[in-house]
Amino acid sequence: MCCQTSAGGIRGPEELHLRQFSRDSHRRESHCRVGFSPAGKGPILAGLLTIAVADNISDSLGIHLYKESEGYGQRLSLLSTTLNFLSRLLISCTFIAIVLVLPMAHALYVGLVWGCC
């Protein structure tokens, strides 16, 4: 089952299958470009949690080292480190709540606006 192309060549079933595959992969690429995932919200939530914890730990450690090097004492350094970590974690959880509550099409734009404020 072959068909003529406009240039006069013959297209076989394999070439038709490749064209269909390329259209499907283009759809997947366009979803990934704007932040949508065919797998759902799971990978997005996992990424947000990873960033929330890993980034907060490194920032809190930096603050802790700064406070101790400035001579604030161990107790005040630990208190500021803990409060910094918890406040940043709370703000990160607002992005997680946005993804959980809203559909992905809306969560993308609400998250962008919330992150810019």
Foldseek 3Di string as FASTA:
>chain_A
DWDADPVGDIDDPVNVVVVVVVVVVVVQVVCVVLPHHPVACVVVLVVLVVCLPVVLVVVLVVQLVVCVVVPVDNVVSVVVSVVSSVVSSVLSVVLVVLRVPDPPVVSSVVVVVSVVD
